[in-house]
Amino acid sequence: MITTRSDQTVLVFNPLTRTRSDVVRLPTEVASGAQMRDAVTGKGVPCQTLPDGTTVFVAADVPS
């Protein structure tokens, strides 16, 4: 689960039976200057906003 200071939450779900890492695409832009943080590890999650407004990041080692 990724949380932001603005109390917006992004939940990444893995339906597979194994741990998985993959790119996540959010259809809306994350607020300028927002920081994404992994709620389990507390580590920051780098993200990038594309020219079309889509925000992308890598969800690493998401358990099944």
C-alpha atoms as a PDB file:
ATOM      1  CA  MET A   1       0.000   0.000   0.000  1.00  0.00           C
ATOM      2  CA  ILE A   2       1.304   3.436  -0.918  1.00  0.00           C
ATOM      3  CA  THR A   3       0.191   6.457   1.072  1.00  0.00           C
ATOM      4  CA  THR A   4       0.724  10.161   0.532  1.00  0.00           C
ATOM      5  CA  ARG A   5       0.721  13.111   2.944  1.00  0.00           C
ATOM      6  CA  SER A   6      -2.524  14.314   1.397  1.00  0.00           C
ATOM      7  CA  ASP A   7      -4.286  11.241   2.819  1.00  0.00           C
ATOM      8  CA  GLN A   8      -4.797   9.780  -0.620  1.00  0.00           C
ATOM      9  CA  THR A   9      -4.119   6.061  -0.713  1.00  0.00           C
ATOM     10  CA  VAL A  10      -3.125   3.811  -3.603  1.00  0.00           C
ATOM     11  CA  LEU A  11      -3.550   0.104  -2.946  1.00  0.00           C
ATOM     12  CA  VAL A  12      -1.610  -2.304  -5.179  1.00  0.00           C
ATOM     13  CA  PHE A  13      -3.153  -5.785  -5.359  1.00  0.00           C
ATOM     14  CA  ASN A  14      -1.343  -8.876  -6.641  1.00  0.00           C
ATOM     15  CA  PRO A  15      -3.759 -11.666  -7.695  1.00  0.00           C
ATOM     16  CA  LEU A  16      -0.935 -14.071  -8.556  1.00  0.00           C
ATOM     17  CA  THR A  17       0.287 -16.854  -6.277  1.00  0.00           C
ATOM     18  CA  ARG A  18       3.833 -15.455  -6.229  1.00  0.00           C
ATOM     19  CA  THR A  19       5.546 -12.225  -5.276  1.00  0.00           C
ATOM     20  CA  ARG A  20       5.521  -9.758  -8.143  1.00  0.00           C
ATOM     21  CA  SER A  21       7.117  -6.450  -9.189  1.00  0.00           C
ATOM     22  CA  ASP A  22       5.619  -4.386 -11.998  1.00  0.00           C
ATOM     23  CA  VAL A  23       4.971  -0.861 -13.260  1.00  0.00           C
ATOM     24  CA  VAL A  24       1.799   0.794 -11.950  1.00  0.00           C
ATOM     25  CA  ARG A  25       0.057   3.494 -13.988  1.00  0.00           C
ATOM     26  CA  LEU A  26      -2.291   5.930 -12.273  1.00  0.00           C
ATOM     27  CA  PRO A  27      -4.670   7.647 -14.681  1.00  0.00           C
ATOM     28  CA  THR A  28      -4.493  10.949 -12.790  1.00  0.00           C
ATOM     29  CA  GLU A  29      -1.568  13.162 -11.919  1.00  0.00           C
ATOM     30  CA  VAL A  30      -0.262  12.990  -8.354  1.00  0.00           C
ATOM     31  CA  ALA A  31      -0.179  16.448  -6.770  1.00  0.00           C
ATOM     32  CA  SER A  32       2.938  18.440  -7.620  1.00  0.00           C
ATOM     33  CA  GLY A  33       5.675  17.795  -5.066  1.00  0.00           C
ATOM     34  CA  ALA A  34       3.796  14.844  -3.553  1.00  0.00           C
ATOM     35  CA  GLN A  35       5.872  12.019  -2.160  1.00  0.00           C
ATOM     36  CA  MET A  36       4.795   8.410  -2.329  1.00  0.00           C
ATOM     37  CA  ARG A  37       5.767   6.115   0.521  1.00  0.00           C
ATOM     38  CA  ASP A  38       5.439   2.357   1.005  1.00  0.00           C
ATOM     39  CA  ALA A  39       3.175   1.939   4.049  1.00  0.00           C
ATOM     40  CA  VAL A  40       4.861  -1.357   5.025  1.00  0.00           C
ATOM     41  CA  THR A  41       8.547  -0.428   4.725  1.00  0.00           C
ATOM     42  CA  GLY A  42       8.239   3.330   5.168  1.00  0.00           C
ATOM     43  CA  LYS A  43      10.569   3.866   2.204  1.00  0.00           C
ATOM     44  CA  GLY A  44       9.899   6.481  -0.444  1.00  0.00           C
ATOM     45  CA  VAL A  45       8.662   5.232  -3.806  1.00  0.00           C
ATOM     46  CA  PRO A  46      10.006   7.150  -6.819  1.00  0.00           C
ATOM     47  CA  CYS A  47       7.294   8.147  -9.274  1.00  0.00           C
ATOM     48  CA  GLN A  48       7.146  10.043 -12.537  1.00  0.00           C
ATOM     49  CA  THR A  49       4.380  12.056 -14.175  1.00  0.00           C
ATOM     50  CA  LEU A  50       4.223  11.540 -17.926  1.00  0.00           C
ATOM     51  CA  PRO A  51       3.289  14.286 -20.432  1.00  0.00           C
ATOM     52  CA  ASP A  52      -0.268  12.900 -20.684  1.00  0.00           C
ATOM     53  CA  GLY A  53      -0.780  13.341 -16.899  1.00  0.00           C
ATOM     54  CA  THR A  54      -0.420   9.655 -16.062  1.00  0.00           C
ATOM     55  CA  THR A  55       1.723   8.927 -12.994  1.00  0.00           C
ATOM     56  CA  VAL A  56       3.872   5.778 -13.029  1.00  0.00           C
ATOM     57  CA  PHE A  57       5.904   3.949 -10.385  1.00  0.00           C
ATOM     58  CA  VAL A  58       7.283   0.472  -9.750  1.00  0.00           C
ATOM     59  CA  ALA A  59       5.481  -1.627  -7.162  1.00  0.00           C
ATOM     60  CA  ALA A  60       8.314  -3.875  -5.992  1.00  0.00           C
ATOM     61  CA  ASP A  61       7.974  -7.265  -4.323  1.00  0.00           C
ATOM     62  CA  VAL A  62       4.194  -7.152  -3.852  1.00  0.00           C
ATOM     63  CA  PRO A  63       3.217 -10.353  -1.995  1.00  0.00           C
ATOM     64  CA  SER A  64       0.497 -12.665  -3.250  1.00  0.00           C
END
